[in-house]
Amino acid sequence: MIKCCEDHVELAMDVIVDEYEVAPNIDKVENSEILTTCEYCQKKAIYIVSN
């Protein structure tokens, strides 16, 4: 599971495809996770990309 901002969503999708060889699931961050930051930068995470 990768939490990312809008700028890094494509990178996160590529990582999931490379590691697991499956199409990734992309979900919006819930209100309870509002303080979550992107794993690639310090911006606010908007998406959760998972397998």
C-alpha atoms as a PDB file:
ATOM      1  CA  MET A   1       0.000   0.000   0.000  1.00  0.00           C
ATOM      2  CA  ILE A   2       1.422   3.349  -1.071  1.00  0.00           C
ATOM      3  CA  LYS A   3      -0.035   6.667   0.062  1.00  0.00           C
ATOM      4  CA  CYS A   4       0.716   9.409  -2.431  1.00  0.00           C
ATOM      5  CA  CYS A   5      -0.130  12.874  -3.689  1.00  0.00           C
ATOM      6  CA  GLU A   6      -1.569  13.617  -7.109  1.00  0.00           C
ATOM      7  CA  ASP A   7       1.913  14.256  -8.528  1.00  0.00           C
ATOM      8  CA  HIS A   8       3.184  10.773  -7.617  1.00  0.00           C
ATOM      9  CA  VAL A   9       0.143   8.579  -8.317  1.00  0.00           C
ATOM     10  CA  GLU A  10       1.602   7.310 -11.614  1.00  0.00           C
ATOM     11  CA  LEU A  11       4.887   6.407  -9.921  1.00  0.00           C
ATOM     12  CA  ALA A  12       3.013   4.500  -7.205  1.00  0.00           C
ATOM     13  CA  MET A  13       0.989   2.635  -9.851  1.00  0.00           C
ATOM     14  CA  ASP A  14       4.202   1.639 -11.662  1.00  0.00           C
ATOM     15  CA  VAL A  15       5.735   0.368  -8.411  1.00  0.00           C
ATOM     16  CA  ILE A  16       2.704  -1.844  -7.661  1.00  0.00           C
ATOM     17  CA  VAL A  17       2.659  -3.243 -11.209  1.00  0.00           C
ATOM     18  CA  ASP A  18       6.418  -3.936 -11.119  1.00  0.00           C
ATOM     19  CA  GLU A  19       6.330  -5.604  -7.686  1.00  0.00           C
ATOM     20  CA  TYR A  20       3.093  -7.606  -7.877  1.00  0.00           C
ATOM     21  CA  GLU A  21       2.391  -7.854 -11.639  1.00  0.00           C
ATOM     22  CA  VAL A  22      -1.286  -6.970 -11.113  1.00  0.00           C
ATOM     23  CA  ALA A  23      -3.367  -3.898 -11.870  1.00  0.00           C
ATOM     24  CA  PRO A  24      -3.342  -1.568  -8.853  1.00  0.00           C
ATOM     25  CA  ASN A  25      -6.373  -0.428  -6.873  1.00  0.00           C
ATOM     26  CA  ILE A  26      -6.590   3.332  -6.459  1.00  0.00           C
ATOM     27  CA  ASP A  27      -8.671   4.759  -3.623  1.00  0.00           C
ATOM     28  CA  LYS A  28      -9.068   8.271  -2.257  1.00  0.00           C
ATOM     29  CA  VAL A  29      -7.745   8.951   1.251  1.00  0.00           C
ATOM     30  CA  GLU A  30     -10.541   8.860   3.844  1.00  0.00           C
ATOM     31  CA  ASN A  31     -11.243  11.789   6.176  1.00  0.00           C
ATOM     32  CA  SER A  32      -9.804   9.807   9.102  1.00  0.00           C
ATOM     33  CA  GLU A  33      -6.420   9.722   7.325  1.00  0.00           C
ATOM     34  CA  ILE A  34      -6.396  13.433   6.517  1.00  0.00           C
ATOM     35  CA  LEU A  35      -2.945  14.027   8.047  1.00  0.00           C
ATOM     36  CA  THR A  36      -1.286  11.389   5.881  1.00  0.00           C
ATOM     37  CA  THR A  37       1.623  12.574   3.721  1.00  0.00           C
ATOM     38  CA  CYS A  38       2.899  11.306   0.396  1.00  0.00           C
ATOM     39  CA  GLU A  39       5.568   8.605   0.621  1.00  0.00           C
ATOM     40  CA  TYR A  40       7.628  10.350  -2.086  1.00  0.00           C
ATOM     41  CA  CYS A  41       7.396  13.956  -0.860  1.00  0.00           C
ATOM     42  CA  GLN A  42       5.861  15.886   2.022  1.00  0.00           C
ATOM     43  CA  LYS A  43       2.627  16.917   0.295  1.00  0.00           C
ATOM     44  CA  LYS A  44      -0.759  15.766   1.561  1.00  0.00           C
ATOM     45  CA  ALA A  45      -1.609  12.243   0.372  1.00  0.00           C
ATOM     46  CA  ILE A  46      -4.718  12.086  -1.789  1.00  0.00           C
ATOM     47  CA  TYR A  47      -4.599   8.488  -3.033  1.00  0.00           C
ATOM     48  CA  ILE A  48      -3.881   5.035  -1.672  1.00  0.00           C
ATOM     49  CA  VAL A  49      -2.489   2.716  -4.340  1.00  0.00           C
ATOM     50  CA  SER A  50      -2.522  -0.972  -3.437  1.00  0.00           C
ATOM     51  CA  ASN A  51      -2.573  -4.430  -4.969  1.00  0.00           C
END
